[in-house]
Amino acid sequence: MKNILIISFTSFVLFTSIYLGRTTTPANPSLTVKVEGLRNSKGLVQYALYDREGSLPDQKFKKYHQIRTSPISNGKSSTTFSNLRPGTYAISVLHDENKDGEIKMGLLLPKEGIGFSNFKAIGLSNRPNFSKASFMLDKDSTIVVNMIYK
């Protein structure tokens, strides 16, 4: 009788651990960022992840939480930020055609493609900032960023 109780209890604990492990939200989610519609395959795509108010705009890429680059294939690119803490984030993307890690500027507007989470277009009345570009991350997620060329 004692052995049956031990086996039953052990089975219950094992089953519960496996079942709960499959249904819980990851403590440190990942974020995959995809970019489509790049105008050419020159250079690479630079992805900057931000995690605090006041970090965007960041034209010189000095206020980011994490930064990555990724090659371009068939007008598309993607990267994944892993092991993040749940919280509020924003993304800035640069189609870095000359691979210098900086936004190449014209008179007023960038000459290279840029993009931000939650933005389809930018302008004088629609300038990116952290609060407009931010989103909640509490589970593994994928977002698509629209590239903007002027």
N, C-alpha and C. Protein backbone atom coordinates (compact mmCIF):
# COMPACT_ATOMS: atom_id res chain seq x y z
N MET A 1 0.81 -1.19 0.00
CA MET A 1 0.00 0.00 0.00
C MET A 1 0.87 1.27 0.00
N LYS A 2 1.94 1.24 0.79
CA LYS A 2 2.85 2.37 0.87
C LYS A 2 3.49 2.64 -0.48
N ASN A 3 3.89 1.59 -1.21
CA ASN A 3 4.51 1.76 -2.53
C ASN A 3 3.53 2.36 -3.53
N ILE A 4 2.27 1.96 -3.44
CA ILE A 4 1.27 2.50 -4.36
C ILE A 4 1.08 3.99 -4.12
N LEU A 5 1.08 4.43 -2.87
CA LEU A 5 0.96 5.85 -2.55
C LEU A 5 2.17 6.64 -3.06
N ILE A 6 3.34 6.11 -2.90
CA ILE A 6 4.57 6.78 -3.36
C ILE A 6 4.54 6.90 -4.88
N ILE A 7 4.19 5.82 -5.56
CA ILE A 7 4.14 5.85 -7.03
C ILE A 7 3.07 6.82 -7.51
N SER A 8 1.91 6.81 -6.87
CA SER A 8 0.83 7.73 -7.24
C SER A 8 1.25 9.18 -7.03
N PHE A 9 1.85 9.49 -5.90
CA PHE A 9 2.28 10.85 -5.61
C PHE A 9 3.36 11.30 -6.60
N THR A 10 4.33 10.44 -6.87
CA THR A 10 5.40 10.76 -7.82
C THR A 10 4.83 11.00 -9.21
N SER A 11 3.91 10.17 -9.63
CA SER A 11 3.28 10.33 -10.94
C SER A 11 2.52 11.66 -11.02
N PHE A 12 1.79 12.00 -9.96
CA PHE A 12 1.05 13.25 -9.92
C PHE A 12 1.99 14.45 -10.05
N VAL A 13 3.07 14.45 -9.28
CA VAL A 13 4.03 15.56 -9.32
C VAL A 13 4.66 15.67 -10.70
N LEU A 14 5.07 14.57 -11.28
CA LEU A 14 5.68 14.57 -12.61
C LEU A 14 4.70 15.08 -13.66
N PHE A 15 3.49 14.57 -13.66
CA PHE A 15 2.48 14.98 -14.63
C PHE A 15 2.18 16.47 -14.50
N THR A 16 2.00 16.95 -13.28
CA THR A 16 1.71 18.36 -13.04
C THR A 16 2.85 19.24 -13.53
N SER A 17 4.08 18.85 -13.28
CA SER A 17 5.24 19.63 -13.73
C SER A 17 5.29 19.73 -15.24
N ILE A 18 5.08 18.62 -15.91
CA ILE A 18 5.11 18.62 -17.37
C ILE A 18 3.96 19.45 -17.93
N TYR A 19 2.76 19.27 -17.41
CA TYR A 19 1.59 19.99 -17.90
C TYR A 19 1.73 21.49 -17.68
N LEU A 20 2.10 21.90 -16.49
CA LEU A 20 2.25 23.33 -16.20
C LEU A 20 3.39 23.94 -16.99
N GLY A 21 4.44 23.20 -17.23
CA GLY A 21 5.56 23.70 -18.01
C GLY A 21 5.18 24.03 -19.44
N ARG A 22 4.18 23.36 -19.97
CA ARG A 22 3.74 23.59 -21.35
C ARG A 22 2.78 24.76 -21.47
N THR A 23 2.12 25.12 -20.42
CA THR A 23 1.07 26.13 -20.53
C THR A 23 1.46 27.49 -19.95
N THR A 24 2.59 27.60 -19.32
CA THR A 24 2.95 28.88 -18.72
C THR A 24 3.62 29.79 -19.75
N THR A 25 3.52 31.08 -19.54
CA THR A 25 4.15 32.07 -20.39
C THR A 25 5.64 32.09 -20.09
N PRO A 26 6.48 32.21 -21.13
CA PRO A 26 7.91 32.26 -20.86
C PRO A 26 8.27 33.46 -19.99
N ALA A 27 9.15 33.24 -19.02
CA ALA A 27 9.57 34.32 -18.13
C ALA A 27 10.39 35.35 -18.90
N ASN A 28 11.09 34.93 -19.91
CA ASN A 28 11.92 35.82 -20.71
C ASN A 28 11.59 35.62 -22.19
N PRO A 29 10.57 36.33 -22.68
CA PRO A 29 10.12 36.11 -24.06
C PRO A 29 11.13 36.60 -25.09
N SER A 30 10.92 36.15 -26.32
CA SER A 30 11.73 36.61 -27.45
C SER A 30 10.85 37.44 -28.38
N LEU A 31 11.50 38.31 -29.15
CA LEU A 31 10.81 39.17 -30.10
C LEU A 31 11.47 39.02 -31.46
N THR A 32 10.70 38.56 -32.43
CA THR A 32 11.19 38.48 -33.81
C THR A 32 10.67 39.70 -34.56
N VAL A 33 11.57 40.38 -35.26
CA VAL A 33 11.22 41.57 -36.04
C VAL A 33 11.47 41.25 -37.50
N LYS A 34 10.44 41.44 -38.33
CA LYS A 34 10.54 41.18 -39.76
C LYS A 34 10.38 42.49 -40.53
N VAL A 35 11.14 42.60 -41.62
CA VAL A 35 11.06 43.74 -42.51
C VAL A 35 10.87 43.18 -43.91
N GLU A 36 9.88 43.70 -44.62
CA GLU A 36 9.64 43.30 -46.00
C GLU A 36 9.59 44.55 -46.87
N GLY A 37 9.75 44.39 -48.17
CA GLY A 37 9.64 45.51 -49.08
C GLY A 37 10.86 46.41 -49.10
N LEU A 38 12.03 45.87 -48.80
CA LEU A 38 13.25 46.67 -48.92
C LEU A 38 13.47 46.99 -50.40
N ARG A 39 13.91 48.19 -50.71
CA ARG A 39 13.99 48.61 -52.11
C ARG A 39 15.11 47.95 -52.89
N ASN A 40 16.09 47.38 -52.19
CA ASN A 40 17.17 46.66 -52.86
C ASN A 40 17.85 45.75 -51.82
N SER A 41 18.84 45.00 -52.27
CA SER A 41 19.55 44.09 -51.37
C SER A 41 20.92 44.62 -50.97
N LYS A 42 21.16 45.91 -51.18
CA LYS A 42 22.42 46.53 -50.78
C LYS A 42 22.51 46.63 -49.26
N GLY A 43 23.69 46.42 -48.74
CA GLY A 43 23.93 46.64 -47.31
C GLY A 43 23.28 45.60 -46.44
N LEU A 44 22.75 46.07 -45.31
CA LEU A 44 22.11 45.20 -44.33
C LEU A 44 21.04 45.98 -43.61
N VAL A 45 20.32 45.29 -42.73
CA VAL A 45 19.30 45.95 -41.94
C VAL A 45 19.78 46.00 -40.49
N GLN A 46 19.67 47.17 -39.90
CA GLN A 46 20.06 47.36 -38.49
C GLN A 46 18.78 47.52 -37.67
N TYR A 47 18.66 46.72 -36.62
CA TYR A 47 17.50 46.71 -35.74
C TYR A 47 17.92 47.21 -34.36
N ALA A 48 17.27 48.25 -33.87
CA ALA A 48 17.55 48.77 -32.53
C ALA A 48 16.30 48.57 -31.68
N LEU A 49 16.48 47.98 -30.51
CA LEU A 49 15.40 47.72 -29.56
C LEU A 49 15.54 48.71 -28.41
N TYR A 50 14.45 49.39 -28.07
CA TYR A 50 14.45 50.40 -27.01
C TYR A 50 13.52 49.96 -25.89
N ASP A 51 13.86 50.33 -24.64
CA ASP A 51 13.06 49.89 -23.50
C ASP A 51 12.72 51.00 -22.51
N ARG A 52 12.87 52.27 -22.92
CA ARG A 52 12.54 53.35 -21.98
C ARG A 52 12.10 54.62 -22.71
N GLU A 53 11.27 55.36 -22.01
CA GLU A 53 10.77 56.64 -22.50
C GLU A 53 11.96 57.58 -22.75
N GLY A 54 11.88 58.37 -23.80
CA GLY A 54 12.94 59.33 -24.12
C GLY A 54 14.07 58.76 -24.96
N SER A 55 14.02 57.47 -25.27
CA SER A 55 15.10 56.86 -26.04
C SER A 55 14.93 57.05 -27.55
N LEU A 56 13.72 57.33 -27.99
CA LEU A 56 13.44 57.63 -29.40
C LEU A 56 12.96 59.06 -29.52
N PRO A 57 13.34 59.78 -30.57
CA PRO A 57 14.21 59.37 -31.66
C PRO A 57 15.67 59.24 -31.22
N ASP A 58 16.41 58.43 -31.98
CA ASP A 58 17.81 58.12 -31.65
C ASP A 58 18.61 58.04 -32.94
N GLN A 59 18.75 59.17 -33.60
CA GLN A 59 19.39 59.22 -34.92
C GLN A 59 20.82 58.71 -34.91
N LYS A 60 21.53 58.83 -33.82
CA LYS A 60 22.93 58.39 -33.75
C LYS A 60 23.07 57.00 -33.13
N PHE A 61 21.96 56.33 -32.81
CA PHE A 61 21.96 54.98 -32.24
C PHE A 61 22.86 54.89 -31.00
N LYS A 62 22.51 55.68 -29.99
CA LYS A 62 23.27 55.67 -28.73
C LYS A 62 22.40 55.33 -27.52
N LYS A 63 21.06 55.28 -27.69
CA LYS A 63 20.16 55.10 -26.55
C LYS A 63 19.46 53.74 -26.55
N TYR A 64 19.85 52.85 -27.40
CA TYR A 64 19.16 51.56 -27.54
C TYR A 64 19.44 50.62 -26.36
N HIS A 65 18.55 49.65 -26.21
CA HIS A 65 18.71 48.58 -25.22
C HIS A 65 19.55 47.45 -25.81
N GLN A 66 19.24 47.06 -27.05
CA GLN A 66 20.00 46.07 -27.80
C GLN A 66 19.99 46.47 -29.26
N ILE A 67 21.02 46.05 -29.98
CA ILE A 67 21.09 46.35 -31.41
C ILE A 67 21.61 45.12 -32.15
N ARG A 68 21.09 44.91 -33.34
CA ARG A 68 21.49 43.76 -34.17
C ARG A 68 21.50 44.19 -35.63
N THR A 69 22.23 43.45 -36.44
CA THR A 69 22.17 43.61 -37.89
C THR A 69 21.85 42.26 -38.52
N SER A 70 21.29 42.33 -39.71
CA SER A 70 20.90 41.11 -40.40
C SER A 70 21.01 41.34 -41.91
N PRO A 71 21.39 40.31 -42.66
CA PRO A 71 21.48 40.45 -44.11
C PRO A 71 20.10 40.56 -44.75
N ILE A 72 20.09 40.94 -46.02
CA ILE A 72 18.86 41.07 -46.80
C ILE A 72 18.82 39.95 -47.82
N SER A 73 17.67 39.33 -47.97
CA SER A 73 17.48 38.28 -48.96
C SER A 73 16.11 38.46 -49.61
N ASN A 74 16.10 38.66 -50.92
CA ASN A 74 14.84 38.83 -51.67
C ASN A 74 13.96 39.94 -51.10
N GLY A 75 14.56 41.06 -50.74
CA GLY A 75 13.80 42.20 -50.25
C GLY A 75 13.28 42.05 -48.83
N LYS A 76 13.77 41.05 -48.09
CA LYS A 76 13.30 40.79 -46.73
C LYS A 76 14.48 40.62 -45.78
N SER A 77 14.22 40.83 -44.51
CA SER A 77 15.21 40.61 -43.47
C SER A 77 14.48 40.40 -42.15
N SER A 78 15.14 39.71 -41.23
CA SER A 78 14.54 39.54 -39.90
C SER A 78 15.64 39.26 -38.88
N THR A 79 15.29 39.46 -37.62
CA THR A 79 16.18 39.15 -36.51
C THR A 79 15.32 38.83 -35.30
N THR A 80 15.93 38.18 -34.32
CA THR A 80 15.22 37.84 -33.09
C THR A 80 16.03 38.31 -31.88
N PHE A 81 15.36 39.05 -31.01
CA PHE A 81 15.92 39.44 -29.72
C PHE A 81 15.41 38.41 -28.72
N SER A 82 16.31 37.72 -28.05
CA SER A 82 15.93 36.65 -27.13
C SER A 82 16.16 37.03 -25.68
N ASN A 83 15.52 36.26 -24.81
CA ASN A 83 15.73 36.37 -23.37
C ASN A 83 15.47 37.78 -22.85
N LEU A 84 14.35 38.39 -23.29
CA LEU A 84 13.98 39.73 -22.86
C LEU A 84 13.12 39.67 -21.60
N ARG A 85 13.12 40.71 -20.85
CA ARG A 85 12.22 40.80 -19.70
C ARG A 85 10.86 41.28 -20.23
N PRO A 86 9.77 40.76 -19.69
CA PRO A 86 8.47 41.31 -20.08
C PRO A 86 8.44 42.81 -19.79
N GLY A 87 7.86 43.58 -20.70
CA GLY A 87 7.80 45.02 -20.51
C GLY A 87 7.44 45.74 -21.78
N THR A 88 7.68 47.03 -21.79
CA THR A 88 7.35 47.90 -22.92
C THR A 88 8.60 48.15 -23.74
N TYR A 89 8.46 47.96 -25.06
CA TYR A 89 9.58 48.11 -25.98
C TYR A 89 9.14 48.89 -27.22
N ALA A 90 10.12 49.36 -27.98
CA ALA A 90 9.90 49.98 -29.28
C ALA A 90 11.05 49.55 -30.19
N ILE A 91 10.80 49.56 -31.49
CA ILE A 91 11.80 49.14 -32.48
C ILE A 91 12.07 50.27 -33.46
N SER A 92 13.32 50.44 -33.82
CA SER A 92 13.76 51.32 -34.90
C SER A 92 14.57 50.47 -35.87
N VAL A 93 14.30 50.63 -37.16
CA VAL A 93 14.97 49.83 -38.18
C VAL A 93 15.61 50.77 -39.21
N LEU A 94 16.81 50.44 -39.64
CA LEU A 94 17.52 51.20 -40.66
C LEU A 94 17.95 50.26 -41.78
N HIS A 95 17.59 50.60 -43.03
CA HIS A 95 18.14 49.90 -44.19
C HIS A 95 19.49 50.57 -44.47
N ASP A 96 20.52 50.02 -43.88
CA ASP A 96 21.86 50.61 -43.91
C ASP A 96 22.57 50.19 -45.20
N GLU A 97 22.25 50.88 -46.27
CA GLU A 97 22.76 50.51 -47.59
C GLU A 97 24.28 50.63 -47.70
N ASN A 98 24.89 51.56 -46.99
CA ASN A 98 26.34 51.72 -47.07
C ASN A 98 27.07 51.10 -45.87
N LYS A 99 26.38 50.40 -45.02
CA LYS A 99 26.94 49.65 -43.89
C LYS A 99 27.79 50.48 -42.94
N ASP A 100 27.39 51.74 -42.71
CA ASP A 100 28.17 52.56 -41.79
C ASP A 100 27.53 52.68 -40.40
N GLY A 101 26.35 52.07 -40.21
CA GLY A 101 25.71 52.09 -38.90
C GLY A 101 25.05 53.40 -38.54
N GLU A 102 24.93 54.31 -39.52
CA GLU A 102 24.34 55.62 -39.28
C GLU A 102 23.29 55.91 -40.33
N ILE A 103 22.34 56.77 -39.98
CA ILE A 103 21.32 57.19 -40.93
C ILE A 103 21.92 58.23 -41.86
N LYS A 104 22.00 57.93 -43.14
CA LYS A 104 22.52 58.87 -44.13
C LYS A 104 21.41 59.87 -44.42
N MET A 105 21.67 61.15 -44.12
CA MET A 105 20.66 62.19 -44.25
C MET A 105 20.81 63.00 -45.52
N GLY A 106 19.66 63.40 -46.07
CA GLY A 106 19.61 64.38 -47.14
C GLY A 106 19.48 65.74 -46.49
N LEU A 107 18.81 66.67 -47.17
CA LEU A 107 18.63 68.01 -46.63
C LEU A 107 17.83 67.96 -45.32
N LEU A 108 16.68 67.32 -45.32
CA LEU A 108 15.86 67.19 -44.12
C LEU A 108 15.50 65.74 -43.81
N LEU A 109 15.45 64.91 -44.82
CA LEU A 109 14.96 63.55 -44.67
C LEU A 109 16.07 62.53 -44.89
N PRO A 110 15.92 61.34 -44.31
CA PRO A 110 16.92 60.28 -44.52
C PRO A 110 16.97 59.82 -45.98
N LYS A 111 18.16 59.51 -46.46
CA LYS A 111 18.32 58.96 -47.80
C LYS A 111 18.18 57.44 -47.80
N GLU A 112 18.38 56.84 -46.64
CA GLU A 112 18.23 55.39 -46.50
C GLU A 112 16.87 55.12 -45.86
N GLY A 113 16.37 53.90 -46.05
CA GLY A 113 15.08 53.55 -45.48
C GLY A 113 15.14 53.42 -43.97
N ILE A 114 14.08 53.87 -43.31
CA ILE A 114 13.95 53.74 -41.86
C ILE A 114 12.55 53.20 -41.56
N GLY A 115 12.38 52.71 -40.36
CA GLY A 115 11.07 52.24 -39.93
C GLY A 115 11.00 52.17 -38.42
N PHE A 116 9.79 52.21 -37.90
CA PHE A 116 9.56 52.17 -36.47
C PHE A 116 8.34 51.30 -36.19
N SER A 117 8.35 50.61 -35.07
CA SER A 117 7.17 49.85 -34.68
C SER A 117 5.99 50.81 -34.59
N ASN A 118 4.82 50.35 -35.05
CA ASN A 118 3.56 51.11 -35.03
C ASN A 118 3.50 52.27 -36.01
N PHE A 119 4.45 52.41 -36.93
CA PHE A 119 4.45 53.52 -37.88
C PHE A 119 4.37 53.00 -39.32
N LYS A 120 3.46 53.58 -40.10
CA LYS A 120 3.37 53.30 -41.53
C LYS A 120 4.04 54.43 -42.32
N ALA A 121 4.07 55.62 -41.74
CA ALA A 121 4.67 56.79 -42.38
C ALA A 121 5.15 57.74 -41.28
N ILE A 122 6.06 58.63 -41.67
CA ILE A 122 6.50 59.66 -40.74
C ILE A 122 6.43 61.01 -41.44
N GLY A 123 6.41 62.07 -40.69
CA GLY A 123 6.35 63.41 -41.24
C GLY A 123 6.49 64.41 -40.11
N LEU A 124 6.39 65.69 -40.46
CA LEU A 124 6.54 66.73 -39.44
C LEU A 124 5.47 66.61 -38.35
N SER A 125 4.27 66.17 -38.72
CA SER A 125 3.21 66.03 -37.72
C SER A 125 3.11 64.61 -37.16
N ASN A 126 3.93 63.72 -37.66
CA ASN A 126 3.91 62.32 -37.20
C ASN A 126 5.34 61.83 -36.97
N ARG A 127 5.99 62.45 -36.02
CA ARG A 127 7.39 62.11 -35.72
C ARG A 127 7.43 60.97 -34.71
N PRO A 128 8.36 60.04 -34.90
CA PRO A 128 8.44 58.91 -33.98
C PRO A 128 8.97 59.31 -32.61
N ASN A 129 8.40 58.70 -31.58
CA ASN A 129 8.92 58.80 -30.22
C ASN A 129 8.59 57.48 -29.53
N PHE A 130 9.12 57.28 -28.35
CA PHE A 130 8.97 56.00 -27.68
C PHE A 130 7.50 55.67 -27.40
N SER A 131 6.74 56.63 -26.91
CA SER A 131 5.36 56.31 -26.55
C SER A 131 4.52 55.93 -27.77
N LYS A 132 4.74 56.56 -28.91
CA LYS A 132 3.99 56.21 -30.12
C LYS A 132 4.45 54.87 -30.71
N ALA A 133 5.71 54.55 -30.58
CA ALA A 133 6.26 53.33 -31.19
C ALA A 133 6.23 52.12 -30.25
N SER A 134 5.87 52.33 -29.00
CA SER A 134 6.00 51.26 -28.01
C SER A 134 4.87 50.24 -28.06
N PHE A 135 5.16 49.06 -27.55
CA PHE A 135 4.23 47.94 -27.46
C PHE A 135 4.61 47.10 -26.25
N MET A 136 3.65 46.34 -25.73
CA MET A 136 3.89 45.45 -24.59
C MET A 136 4.41 44.11 -25.10
N LEU A 137 5.42 43.59 -24.43
CA LEU A 137 5.94 42.27 -24.73
C LEU A 137 5.84 41.43 -23.46
N ASP A 138 4.98 40.41 -23.49
CA ASP A 138 4.85 39.53 -22.34
C ASP A 138 4.87 38.06 -22.72
N LYS A 139 5.03 37.80 -24.04
CA LYS A 139 5.15 36.44 -24.54
C LYS A 139 5.94 36.49 -25.84
N ASP A 140 6.41 35.35 -26.31
CA ASP A 140 7.12 35.31 -27.59
C ASP A 140 6.24 35.95 -28.66
N SER A 141 6.80 36.90 -29.41
CA SER A 141 6.01 37.66 -30.37
C SER A 141 6.80 37.93 -31.64
N THR A 142 6.06 38.24 -32.70
CA THR A 142 6.63 38.65 -33.98
C THR A 142 5.94 39.93 -34.42
N ILE A 143 6.73 40.92 -34.85
CA ILE A 143 6.15 42.14 -35.41
C ILE A 143 6.77 42.39 -36.78
N VAL A 144 6.03 43.09 -37.62
CA VAL A 144 6.51 43.49 -38.94
C VAL A 144 6.63 45.01 -38.94
N VAL A 145 7.79 45.49 -39.35
CA VAL A 145 8.04 46.94 -39.41
C VAL A 145 8.01 47.38 -40.86
N ASN A 146 7.25 48.42 -41.14
CA ASN A 146 7.12 48.99 -42.46
C ASN A 146 8.31 49.90 -42.75
N MET A 147 8.99 49.68 -43.87
CA MET A 147 10.11 50.54 -44.25
C MET A 147 9.58 51.80 -44.93
N ILE A 148 10.21 52.92 -44.61
CA ILE A 148 9.80 54.21 -45.14
C ILE A 148 10.99 54.79 -45.92
N TYR A 149 10.76 55.07 -47.19
CA TYR A 149 11.79 55.68 -48.04
C TYR A 149 11.24 57.02 -48.54
N LYS A 150 12.10 58.01 -48.56
CA LYS A 150 11.70 59.35 -49.07
C LYS A 150 12.43 59.65 -50.33
